[in-house]
Amino acid sequence: MTTGAQTPYPARPRRSRLRTFLPLGVAAWLVLEIWLLTMVAGASNGLVVFLILVAGLVLGSAVIKRAGRRAFRNLTETLQQQQGGMLSEARPNSEGSGLTMLGGLLLIIPGVISDAVGLLLLVPPVQKAVSRHAERTFERKLRETARGSLGDVFQQARMRRPDGKVVQGEVVRDEPGGAPGDTPQGPRPPLTR
């Protein structure tokens, strides 16, 4: 019996900022997109808004199709070079297919802001800057993850009782009509090293 007051469950870990603010950001973005489309419709007419949405759909589809073909062509060239035994050289135009596809997807999504960001992602200097930033962020997160030990991961994966004690063991099922540990094919073979 313990004398101090213990909480039956450990404190929940804090939610990340992304999980906290992402739904709010998406909702604000949707409201802003709808508001901007109504402002454009009020300044001109509904036909202009319709033409903007159709133009974004057509242009975004063309961009995604072109980027997909370029990525597939680069993949087949790389595979052919590897099969031929040649060392693959880094091609300067082989990067950016993913960001180009993202730009096309943003063009397809109805809205003025998504169209502007999609068009911005199609500009090569912007693609390079976004790519470098994403690469640095990914490497930093990877280093932060590598600092933690595997013991932390295994500690989090263990089953815990409500009083905080670790429960280790194995599950043994008794099957009706046989000895404990028997399988339908017969007795289980002994464990050996």
C-alpha atoms as a PDB file:
ATOM      1  CA  MET A   1       0.000   0.000   0.000  1.00  0.00           C
ATOM      2  CA  THR A   2       1.347   3.408  -0.890  1.00  0.00           C
ATOM      3  CA  THR A   3       0.971   6.495   1.224  1.00  0.00           C
ATOM      4  CA  GLY A   4       1.196   9.134  -1.533  1.00  0.00           C
ATOM      5  CA  ALA A   5      -1.655   9.910  -3.870  1.00  0.00           C
ATOM      6  CA  GLN A   6      -0.956   8.433  -7.277  1.00  0.00           C
ATOM      7  CA  THR A   7      -2.897   9.103 -10.415  1.00  0.00           C
ATOM      8  CA  PRO A   8      -4.217   5.900 -11.921  1.00  0.00           C
ATOM      9  CA  TYR A   9      -3.141   6.896 -15.434  1.00  0.00           C
ATOM     10  CA  PRO A  10      -0.037   8.746 -16.575  1.00  0.00           C
ATOM     11  CA  ALA A  11      -0.477  12.242 -18.001  1.00  0.00           C
ATOM     12  CA  ARG A  12      -1.346  12.372 -21.685  1.00  0.00           C
ATOM     13  CA  PRO A  13       1.392  13.691 -23.942  1.00  0.00           C
ATOM     14  CA  ARG A  14       0.883  17.164 -25.374  1.00  0.00           C
ATOM     15  CA  ARG A  15      -0.633  17.411 -28.830  1.00  0.00           C
ATOM     16  CA  SER A  16       1.682  18.728 -31.480  1.00  0.00           C
ATOM     17  CA  ARG A  17       1.076  22.196 -32.847  1.00  0.00           C
ATOM     18  CA  LEU A  18       0.280  20.747 -36.243  1.00  0.00           C
ATOM     19  CA  ARG A  19      -2.506  18.556 -34.884  1.00  0.00           C
ATOM     20  CA  THR A  20      -3.856  21.483 -32.896  1.00  0.00           C
ATOM     21  CA  PHE A  21      -3.905  24.157 -35.568  1.00  0.00           C
ATOM     22  CA  LEU A  22      -4.310  22.195 -38.832  1.00  0.00           C
ATOM     23  CA  PRO A  23      -8.125  21.817 -38.628  1.00  0.00           C
ATOM     24  CA  LEU A  24      -8.482  25.500 -37.767  1.00  0.00           C
ATOM     25  CA  GLY A  25      -6.201  26.478 -40.663  1.00  0.00           C
ATOM     26  CA  VAL A  26      -8.104  24.308 -43.156  1.00  0.00           C
ATOM     27  CA  ALA A  27     -11.441  25.774 -42.035  1.00  0.00           C
ATOM     28  CA  ALA A  28     -10.092  29.337 -42.297  1.00  0.00           C
ATOM     29  CA  TRP A  29      -8.661  28.581 -45.754  1.00  0.00           C
ATOM     30  CA  LEU A  30     -12.017  27.217 -46.984  1.00  0.00           C
ATOM     31  CA  VAL A  31     -13.917  30.232 -45.665  1.00  0.00           C
ATOM     32  CA  LEU A  32     -11.401  32.591 -47.273  1.00  0.00           C
ATOM     33  CA  GLU A  33     -11.624  30.765 -50.619  1.00  0.00           C
ATOM     34  CA  ILE A  34     -15.422  30.958 -50.633  1.00  0.00           C
ATOM     35  CA  TRP A  35     -15.333  34.628 -49.620  1.00  0.00           C
ATOM     36  CA  LEU A  36     -12.852  35.466 -52.399  1.00  0.00           C
ATOM     37  CA  LEU A  37     -14.930  33.637 -55.016  1.00  0.00           C
ATOM     38  CA  THR A  38     -18.035  35.566 -53.939  1.00  0.00           C
ATOM     39  CA  MET A  39     -16.060  38.825 -54.114  1.00  0.00           C
ATOM     40  CA  VAL A  40     -14.912  37.996 -57.663  1.00  0.00           C
ATOM     41  CA  ALA A  41     -18.487  37.066 -58.598  1.00  0.00           C
ATOM     42  CA  GLY A  42     -19.755  40.346 -57.119  1.00  0.00           C
ATOM     43  CA  ALA A  43     -17.137  42.407 -58.966  1.00  0.00           C
ATOM     44  CA  SER A  44     -17.819  40.741 -62.314  1.00  0.00           C
ATOM     45  CA  ASN A  45     -20.359  37.951 -62.731  1.00  0.00           C
ATOM     46  CA  GLY A  46     -20.833  34.232 -62.173  1.00  0.00           C
ATOM     47  CA  LEU A  47     -19.555  33.384 -65.658  1.00  0.00           C
ATOM     48  CA  VAL A  48     -16.091  34.788 -64.806  1.00  0.00           C
ATOM     49  CA  VAL A  49     -15.937  32.662 -61.639  1.00  0.00           C
ATOM     50  CA  PHE A  50     -16.987  29.608 -63.644  1.00  0.00           C
ATOM     51  CA  LEU A  51     -14.297  30.313 -66.270  1.00  0.00           C
ATOM     52  CA  ILE A  52     -11.646  30.741 -63.533  1.00  0.00           C
ATOM     53  CA  LEU A  53     -12.597  27.391 -62.001  1.00  0.00           C
ATOM     54  CA  VAL A  54     -12.627  25.588 -65.384  1.00  0.00           C
ATOM     55  CA  ALA A  55      -9.306  27.174 -66.399  1.00  0.00           C
ATOM     56  CA  GLY A  56      -7.748  26.015 -63.121  1.00  0.00           C
ATOM     57  CA  LEU A  57      -9.063  22.494 -63.683  1.00  0.00           C
ATOM     58  CA  VAL A  58      -7.775  22.286 -67.259  1.00  0.00           C
ATOM     59  CA  LEU A  59      -4.387  23.873 -66.514  1.00  0.00           C
ATOM     60  CA  GLY A  60      -3.887  21.758 -63.376  1.00  0.00           C
ATOM     61  CA  SER A  61      -4.714  18.560 -65.252  1.00  0.00           C
ATOM     62  CA  ALA A  62      -2.243  19.442 -68.009  1.00  0.00           C
ATOM     63  CA  VAL A  63       0.499  20.250 -65.478  1.00  0.00           C
ATOM     64  CA  ILE A  64      -0.021  16.995 -63.581  1.00  0.00           C
ATOM     65  CA  LYS A  65      -0.056  14.979 -66.812  1.00  0.00           C
ATOM     66  CA  ARG A  66       3.179  16.610 -68.032  1.00  0.00           C
ATOM     67  CA  ALA A  67       4.949  16.191 -64.673  1.00  0.00           C
ATOM     68  CA  GLY A  68       3.813  12.567 -64.413  1.00  0.00           C
ATOM     69  CA  ARG A  69       5.129  11.776 -67.862  1.00  0.00           C
ATOM     70  CA  ARG A  70       8.451  13.477 -67.076  1.00  0.00           C
ATOM     71  CA  ALA A  71       8.787  11.552 -63.803  1.00  0.00           C
ATOM     72  CA  PHE A  72       7.964   8.254 -65.527  1.00  0.00           C
ATOM     73  CA  ARG A  73      10.462   8.988 -68.326  1.00  0.00           C
ATOM     74  CA  ASN A  74      13.181   9.779 -65.756  1.00  0.00           C
ATOM     75  CA  LEU A  75      12.390   6.556 -63.904  1.00  0.00           C
ATOM     76  CA  THR A  76      12.610   4.407 -67.046  1.00  0.00           C
ATOM     77  CA  GLU A  77      15.878   6.101 -68.090  1.00  0.00           C
ATOM     78  CA  THR A  78      17.366   5.469 -64.665  1.00  0.00           C
ATOM     79  CA  LEU A  79      16.303   1.807 -64.722  1.00  0.00           C
ATOM     80  CA  GLN A  80      17.736   1.348 -68.218  1.00  0.00           C
ATOM     81  CA  GLN A  81      21.044   2.922 -67.153  1.00  0.00           C
ATOM     82  CA  GLN A  82      21.254   0.624 -64.131  1.00  0.00           C
ATOM     83  CA  GLN A  83      20.520  -2.435 -66.228  1.00  0.00           C
ATOM     84  CA  GLY A  84      23.159  -1.386 -68.746  1.00  0.00           C
ATOM     85  CA  GLY A  85      25.720  -1.109 -65.970  1.00  0.00           C
ATOM     86  CA  MET A  86      26.251   2.615 -66.456  1.00  0.00           C
ATOM     87  CA  LEU A  87      26.414   4.863 -63.451  1.00  0.00           C
ATOM     88  CA  SER A  88      23.478   7.222 -63.341  1.00  0.00           C
ATOM     89  CA  GLU A  89      24.448  10.859 -63.369  1.00  0.00           C
ATOM     90  CA  ALA A  90      22.406  13.474 -61.594  1.00  0.00           C
ATOM     91  CA  ARG A  91      20.293  15.337 -64.114  1.00  0.00           C
ATOM     92  CA  PRO A  92      19.558  18.964 -63.282  1.00  0.00           C
ATOM     93  CA  ASN A  93      15.957  18.784 -64.513  1.00  0.00           C
ATOM     94  CA  SER A  94      15.107  15.536 -62.733  1.00  0.00           C
ATOM     95  CA  GLU A  95      14.052  17.313 -59.549  1.00  0.00           C
ATOM     96  CA  GLY A  96      10.793  19.116 -58.974  1.00  0.00           C
ATOM     97  CA  SER A  97       8.287  16.627 -60.376  1.00  0.00           C
ATOM     98  CA  GLY A  98       6.626  16.249 -56.996  1.00  0.00           C
ATOM     99  CA  LEU A  99       6.329  19.994 -56.462  1.00  0.00           C
ATOM    100  CA  THR A 100       5.075  20.421 -60.023  1.00  0.00           C
ATOM    101  CA  MET A 101       2.397  17.812 -59.369  1.00  0.00           C
ATOM    102  CA  LEU A 102       1.491  19.566 -56.112  1.00  0.00           C
ATOM    103  CA  GLY A 103       1.188  22.836 -58.027  1.00  0.00           C
ATOM    104  CA  GLY A 104      -1.101  21.139 -60.548  1.00  0.00           C
ATOM    105  CA  LEU A 105      -3.218  19.675 -57.769  1.00  0.00           C
ATOM    106  CA  LEU A 106      -3.564  23.097 -56.168  1.00  0.00           C
ATOM    107  CA  LEU A 107      -4.657  24.474 -59.550  1.00  0.00           C
ATOM    108  CA  ILE A 108      -7.330  21.786 -59.798  1.00  0.00           C
ATOM    109  CA  ILE A 109      -8.723  22.558 -56.335  1.00  0.00           C
ATOM    110  CA  PRO A 110     -11.370  25.273 -56.758  1.00  0.00           C
ATOM    111  CA  GLY A 111     -10.347  28.606 -55.316  1.00  0.00           C
ATOM    112  CA  VAL A 112      -8.336  31.724 -55.973  1.00  0.00           C
ATOM    113  CA  ILE A 113      -5.712  31.250 -53.242  1.00  0.00           C
ATOM    114  CA  SER A 114      -5.027  27.630 -54.164  1.00  0.00           C
ATOM    115  CA  ASP A 115      -4.651  28.691 -57.817  1.00  0.00           C
ATOM    116  CA  ALA A 116      -2.171  31.424 -56.868  1.00  0.00           C
ATOM    117  CA  VAL A 117      -0.095  29.052 -54.714  1.00  0.00           C
ATOM    118  CA  GLY A 118      -0.251  26.399 -57.455  1.00  0.00           C
ATOM    119  CA  LEU A 119       0.994  28.853 -60.075  1.00  0.00           C
ATOM    120  CA  LEU A 120       3.735  29.980 -57.689  1.00  0.00           C
ATOM    121  CA  LEU A 121       4.907  26.373 -57.248  1.00  0.00           C
ATOM    122  CA  LEU A 122       5.358  26.106 -61.017  1.00  0.00           C
ATOM    123  CA  VAL A 123       8.086  28.783 -61.002  1.00  0.00           C
ATOM    124  CA  PRO A 124      11.523  27.016 -60.973  1.00  0.00           C
ATOM    125  CA  PRO A 125      13.277  29.315 -58.431  1.00  0.00           C
ATOM    126  CA  VAL A 126      10.358  28.884 -56.027  1.00  0.00           C
ATOM    127  CA  GLN A 127      10.499  25.118 -56.537  1.00  0.00           C
ATOM    128  CA  LYS A 128      14.206  25.056 -55.684  1.00  0.00           C
ATOM    129  CA  ALA A 129      13.704  27.187 -52.564  1.00  0.00           C
ATOM    130  CA  VAL A 130      10.778  25.055 -51.342  1.00  0.00           C
ATOM    131  CA  SER A 131      12.709  21.868 -52.108  1.00  0.00           C
ATOM    132  CA  ARG A 132      15.770  23.038 -50.150  1.00  0.00           C
ATOM    133  CA  HIS A 133      13.613  24.103 -47.205  1.00  0.00           C
ATOM    134  CA  ALA A 134      11.746  20.779 -47.179  1.00  0.00           C
ATOM    135  CA  GLU A 135      15.012  18.841 -47.364  1.00  0.00           C
ATOM    136  CA  ARG A 136      16.541  20.772 -44.450  1.00  0.00           C
ATOM    137  CA  THR A 137      13.407  20.310 -42.372  1.00  0.00           C
ATOM    138  CA  PHE A 138      13.318  16.580 -43.117  1.00  0.00           C
ATOM    139  CA  GLU A 139      16.990  16.126 -42.188  1.00  0.00           C
ATOM    140  CA  ARG A 140      16.528  18.096 -38.955  1.00  0.00           C
ATOM    141  CA  LYS A 141      13.516  15.982 -37.947  1.00  0.00           C
ATOM    142  CA  LEU A 142      15.443  12.836 -38.815  1.00  0.00           C
ATOM    143  CA  ARG A 143      18.350  13.905 -36.581  1.00  0.00           C
ATOM    144  CA  GLU A 144      15.947  14.692 -33.728  1.00  0.00           C
ATOM    145  CA  THR A 145      14.368  11.271 -34.054  1.00  0.00           C
ATOM    146  CA  ALA A 146      17.758   9.542 -34.150  1.00  0.00           C
ATOM    147  CA  ARG A 147      18.767  11.170 -30.846  1.00  0.00           C
ATOM    148  CA  GLY A 148      16.110   9.212 -28.963  1.00  0.00           C
ATOM    149  CA  SER A 149      17.084   5.697 -28.039  1.00  0.00           C
ATOM    150  CA  LEU A 150      15.314   2.545 -29.053  1.00  0.00           C
ATOM    151  CA  GLY A 151      14.743   1.851 -25.390  1.00  0.00           C
ATOM    152  CA  ASP A 152      12.327   4.776 -25.326  1.00  0.00           C
ATOM    153  CA  VAL A 153      10.361   3.258 -28.166  1.00  0.00           C
ATOM    154  CA  PHE A 154      10.176  -0.145 -26.505  1.00  0.00           C
ATOM    155  CA  GLN A 155       9.259   1.455 -23.192  1.00  0.00           C
ATOM    156  CA  GLN A 156       6.293   3.159 -24.847  1.00  0.00           C
ATOM    157  CA  ALA A 157       5.196  -0.071 -26.540  1.00  0.00           C
ATOM    158  CA  ARG A 158       4.837  -2.112 -23.316  1.00  0.00           C
ATOM    159  CA  MET A 159       1.486  -2.800 -21.756  1.00  0.00           C
ATOM    160  CA  ARG A 160       0.899  -0.969 -18.513  1.00  0.00           C
ATOM    161  CA  ARG A 161      -1.551  -1.615 -15.735  1.00  0.00           C
ATOM    162  CA  PRO A 162      -3.584   1.282 -14.355  1.00  0.00           C
ATOM    163  CA  ASP A 163      -1.240   1.522 -11.353  1.00  0.00           C
ATOM    164  CA  GLY A 164       1.735   2.084 -13.697  1.00  0.00           C
ATOM    165  CA  LYS A 165       3.362  -1.335 -13.324  1.00  0.00           C
ATOM    166  CA  VAL A 166       4.654  -3.087 -16.422  1.00  0.00           C
ATOM    167  CA  VAL A 167       2.971  -6.409 -17.157  1.00  0.00           C
ATOM    168  CA  GLN A 168       5.083  -8.916 -19.045  1.00  0.00           C
ATOM    169  CA  GLY A 169       4.000 -12.374 -19.980  1.00  0.00           C
ATOM    170  CA  GLU A 170       2.543 -14.521 -22.704  1.00  0.00           C
ATOM    171  CA  VAL A 171      -0.933 -15.659 -23.633  1.00  0.00           C
ATOM    172  CA  VAL A 172      -1.718 -19.368 -23.184  1.00  0.00           C
ATOM    173  CA  ARG A 173      -5.053 -20.621 -24.449  1.00  0.00           C
ATOM    174  CA  ASP A 174      -6.542 -23.875 -23.267  1.00  0.00           C
ATOM    175  CA  GLU A 175      -8.316 -25.571 -26.150  1.00  0.00           C
ATOM    176  CA  PRO A 176     -11.236 -27.860 -25.288  1.00  0.00           C
ATOM    177  CA  GLY A 177     -10.641 -31.509 -26.139  1.00  0.00           C
ATOM    178  CA  GLY A 178      -6.883 -31.541 -25.695  1.00  0.00           C
ATOM    179  CA  ALA A 179      -4.041 -30.831 -23.390  1.00  0.00           C
ATOM    180  CA  PRO A 180      -2.959 -27.225 -22.875  1.00  0.00           C
ATOM    181  CA  GLY A 181      -0.674 -26.189 -25.709  1.00  0.00           C
ATOM    182  CA  ASP A 182      -1.988 -28.756 -28.202  1.00  0.00           C
ATOM    183  CA  THR A 183      -2.731 -27.528 -31.710  1.00  0.00           C
ATOM    184  CA  PRO A 184      -5.380 -29.002 -34.033  1.00  0.00           C
ATOM    185  CA  GLN A 185      -2.585 -30.912 -35.771  1.00  0.00           C
ATOM    186  CA  GLY A 186      -1.407 -32.473 -32.522  1.00  0.00           C
ATOM    187  CA  PRO A 187       0.859 -31.570 -29.632  1.00  0.00           C
ATOM    188  CA  ARG A 188       3.010 -28.511 -30.076  1.00  0.00           C
ATOM    189  CA  PRO A 189       6.718 -29.278 -30.549  1.00  0.00           C
ATOM    190  CA  PRO A 190       9.019 -28.156 -27.751  1.00  0.00           C
ATOM    191  CA  LEU A 191      10.849 -24.858 -28.097  1.00  0.00           C
ATOM    192  CA  THR A 192      14.518 -25.296 -28.917  1.00  0.00           C
ATOM    193  CA  ARG A 193      17.360 -22.868 -29.347  1.00  0.00           C
END
